[in-house]
């Protein structure tokens, strides 16, 4: 699996958010990739559900509090990254 990446759905964005879409996607992706690295490096055999929650928590921790509060990712996609971590295919 390649490095995880976050893409925002443009249909759900207001005009101001649309202007900031690129930098916001970059920030979210950076936080997710750093979280994936931390979770992968400390993975100790936990189930996928636990890894998925850790991934979400770590990603939110890497964001500005205002952005983290509004961050509502597609959990199916987050869990795919978690499965890749469990299987040793991320990084």
C-alpha atoms as a PDB file:
ATOM      1  CA  UNK A   1       0.000   0.000   0.000  1.00  0.00           C
ATOM      2  CA  UNK A   2       1.272   3.460  -0.834  1.00  0.00           C
ATOM      3  CA  UNK A   3       1.363   6.262   1.683  1.00  0.00           C
ATOM      4  CA  UNK A   4      -2.139   7.194   2.852  1.00  0.00           C
ATOM      5  CA  UNK A   5      -3.651  10.368   1.438  1.00  0.00           C
ATOM      6  CA  UNK A   6      -6.750  12.394   2.298  1.00  0.00           C
ATOM      7  CA  UNK A   7      -8.886  13.924  -0.433  1.00  0.00           C
ATOM      8  CA  UNK A   8     -11.808  16.143   0.518  1.00  0.00           C
ATOM      9  CA  UNK A   9     -15.127  15.800  -1.265  1.00  0.00           C
ATOM     10  CA  UNK A  10     -15.613  19.137  -3.049  1.00  0.00           C
ATOM     11  CA  UNK A  11     -19.403  18.703  -3.018  1.00  0.00           C
ATOM     12  CA  UNK A  12     -19.485  19.200   0.748  1.00  0.00           C
ATOM     13  CA  UNK A  13     -17.362  22.364   0.815  1.00  0.00           C
ATOM     14  CA  UNK A  14     -18.495  25.962   1.001  1.00  0.00           C
ATOM     15  CA  UNK A  15     -16.639  28.557  -1.159  1.00  0.00           C
ATOM     16  CA  UNK A  16     -14.145  29.459   1.585  1.00  0.00           C
ATOM     17  CA  UNK A  17     -13.389  25.805   2.280  1.00  0.00           C
ATOM     18  CA  UNK A  18     -12.989  25.178  -1.438  1.00  0.00           C
ATOM     19  CA  UNK A  19     -10.323  27.908  -1.606  1.00  0.00           C
ATOM     20  CA  UNK A  20      -8.466  26.244   1.266  1.00  0.00           C
ATOM     21  CA  UNK A  21      -8.985  22.701  -0.002  1.00  0.00           C
ATOM     22  CA  UNK A  22      -5.439  22.056  -1.256  1.00  0.00           C
ATOM     23  CA  UNK A  23      -3.605  23.248   1.856  1.00  0.00           C
ATOM     24  CA  UNK A  24      -6.161  21.526   4.100  1.00  0.00           C
ATOM     25  CA  UNK A  25      -5.767  18.235   2.230  1.00  0.00           C
ATOM     26  CA  UNK A  26      -1.993  18.593   2.584  1.00  0.00           C
ATOM     27  CA  UNK A  27      -2.272  19.194   6.338  1.00  0.00           C
ATOM     28  CA  UNK A  28      -4.699  16.298   6.846  1.00  0.00           C
ATOM     29  CA  UNK A  29      -2.561  13.970   4.731  1.00  0.00           C
ATOM     30  CA  UNK A  30       0.578  14.941   6.619  1.00  0.00           C
ATOM     31  CA  UNK A  31      -1.132  14.286   9.962  1.00  0.00           C
ATOM     32  CA  UNK A  32      -2.438  10.917   8.724  1.00  0.00           C
ATOM     33  CA  UNK A  33       0.956   9.836   7.394  1.00  0.00           C
ATOM     34  CA  UNK A  34       2.696  10.812  10.643  1.00  0.00           C
ATOM     35  CA  UNK A  35       0.000   8.975  12.609  1.00  0.00           C
ATOM     36  CA  UNK A  36       0.387   5.885  10.423  1.00  0.00           C
ATOM     37  CA  UNK A  37       4.150   5.921  11.061  1.00  0.00           C
ATOM     38  CA  UNK A  38       3.680   6.244  14.836  1.00  0.00           C
ATOM     39  CA  UNK A  39       1.015   3.542  14.988  1.00  0.00           C
ATOM     40  CA  UNK A  40       3.026   1.207  12.748  1.00  0.00           C
ATOM     41  CA  UNK A  41       6.167   1.724  14.842  1.00  0.00           C
ATOM     42  CA  UNK A  42       4.343   0.899  18.081  1.00  0.00           C
ATOM     43  CA  UNK A  43       2.053  -1.811  16.717  1.00  0.00           C
ATOM     44  CA  UNK A  44       1.941  -4.711  19.136  1.00  0.00           C
ATOM     45  CA  UNK A  45      -0.580  -7.123  17.685  1.00  0.00           C
ATOM     46  CA  UNK A  46      -3.754  -5.200  18.526  1.00  0.00           C
ATOM     47  CA  UNK A  47      -6.918  -5.941  16.535  1.00  0.00           C
ATOM     48  CA  UNK A  48      -7.739  -3.864  13.462  1.00  0.00           C
ATOM     49  CA  UNK A  49     -10.504  -1.965  15.293  1.00  0.00           C
ATOM     50  CA  UNK A  50      -8.043  -0.795  17.943  1.00  0.00           C
ATOM     51  CA  UNK A  51      -5.477   0.190  15.324  1.00  0.00           C
ATOM     52  CA  UNK A  52      -8.137   2.115  13.411  1.00  0.00           C
ATOM     53  CA  UNK A  53      -9.113   4.080  16.523  1.00  0.00           C
ATOM     54  CA  UNK A  54      -5.453   4.762  17.380  1.00  0.00           C
ATOM     55  CA  UNK A  55      -4.906   5.972  13.836  1.00  0.00           C
ATOM     56  CA  UNK A  56      -7.834   8.376  14.126  1.00  0.00           C
ATOM     57  CA  UNK A  57      -6.742   9.600  17.569  1.00  0.00           C
ATOM     58  CA  UNK A  58      -3.141  10.117  16.446  1.00  0.00           C
ATOM     59  CA  UNK A  59      -4.249  11.934  13.291  1.00  0.00           C
ATOM     60  CA  UNK A  60      -6.498  14.294  15.263  1.00  0.00           C
ATOM     61  CA  UNK A  61      -3.692  14.897  17.768  1.00  0.00           C
ATOM     62  CA  UNK A  62      -1.506  16.098  14.880  1.00  0.00           C
ATOM     63  CA  UNK A  63      -4.007  18.728  13.769  1.00  0.00           C
ATOM     64  CA  UNK A  64      -4.875  22.195  15.009  1.00  0.00           C
ATOM     65  CA  UNK A  65      -7.713  21.776  17.550  1.00  0.00           C
ATOM     66  CA  UNK A  66     -10.209  23.636  15.329  1.00  0.00           C
ATOM     67  CA  UNK A  67      -9.423  21.415  12.371  1.00  0.00           C
ATOM     68  CA  UNK A  68      -9.408  18.281  14.523  1.00  0.00           C
ATOM     69  CA  UNK A  69     -12.848  19.163  15.894  1.00  0.00           C
ATOM     70  CA  UNK A  70     -14.307  19.323  12.400  1.00  0.00           C
ATOM     71  CA  UNK A  71     -12.419  16.338  11.026  1.00  0.00           C
ATOM     72  CA  UNK A  72     -14.944  13.614  10.185  1.00  0.00           C
ATOM     73  CA  UNK A  73     -13.101  11.120   7.991  1.00  0.00           C
ATOM     74  CA  UNK A  74     -14.475   8.169   6.095  1.00  0.00           C
ATOM     75  CA  UNK A  75     -13.834   5.471   8.686  1.00  0.00           C
ATOM     76  CA  UNK A  76     -13.877   2.722   6.053  1.00  0.00           C
ATOM     77  CA  UNK A  77     -10.823   4.364   4.507  1.00  0.00           C
ATOM     78  CA  UNK A  78      -9.129   4.777   7.900  1.00  0.00           C
ATOM     79  CA  UNK A  79      -9.759   1.107   8.626  1.00  0.00           C
ATOM     80  CA  UNK A  80      -8.162   0.161   5.284  1.00  0.00           C
ATOM     81  CA  UNK A  81      -5.018   1.936   6.450  1.00  0.00           C
ATOM     82  CA  UNK A  82      -5.312   0.109   9.797  1.00  0.00           C
ATOM     83  CA  UNK A  83      -5.593  -3.246   7.990  1.00  0.00           C
ATOM     84  CA  UNK A  84      -2.481  -2.385   5.983  1.00  0.00           C
ATOM     85  CA  UNK A  85      -0.627  -1.582   9.235  1.00  0.00           C
ATOM     86  CA  UNK A  86      -1.735  -4.861  10.784  1.00  0.00           C
ATOM     87  CA  UNK A  87      -0.613  -6.732   7.672  1.00  0.00           C
ATOM     88  CA  UNK A  88       2.680  -4.816   7.602  1.00  0.00           C
ATOM     89  CA  UNK A  89       2.005  -3.128   4.262  1.00  0.00           C
ATOM     90  CA  UNK A  90       2.177   0.563   5.246  1.00  0.00           C
ATOM     91  CA  UNK A  91       5.464   2.406   5.153  1.00  0.00           C
END
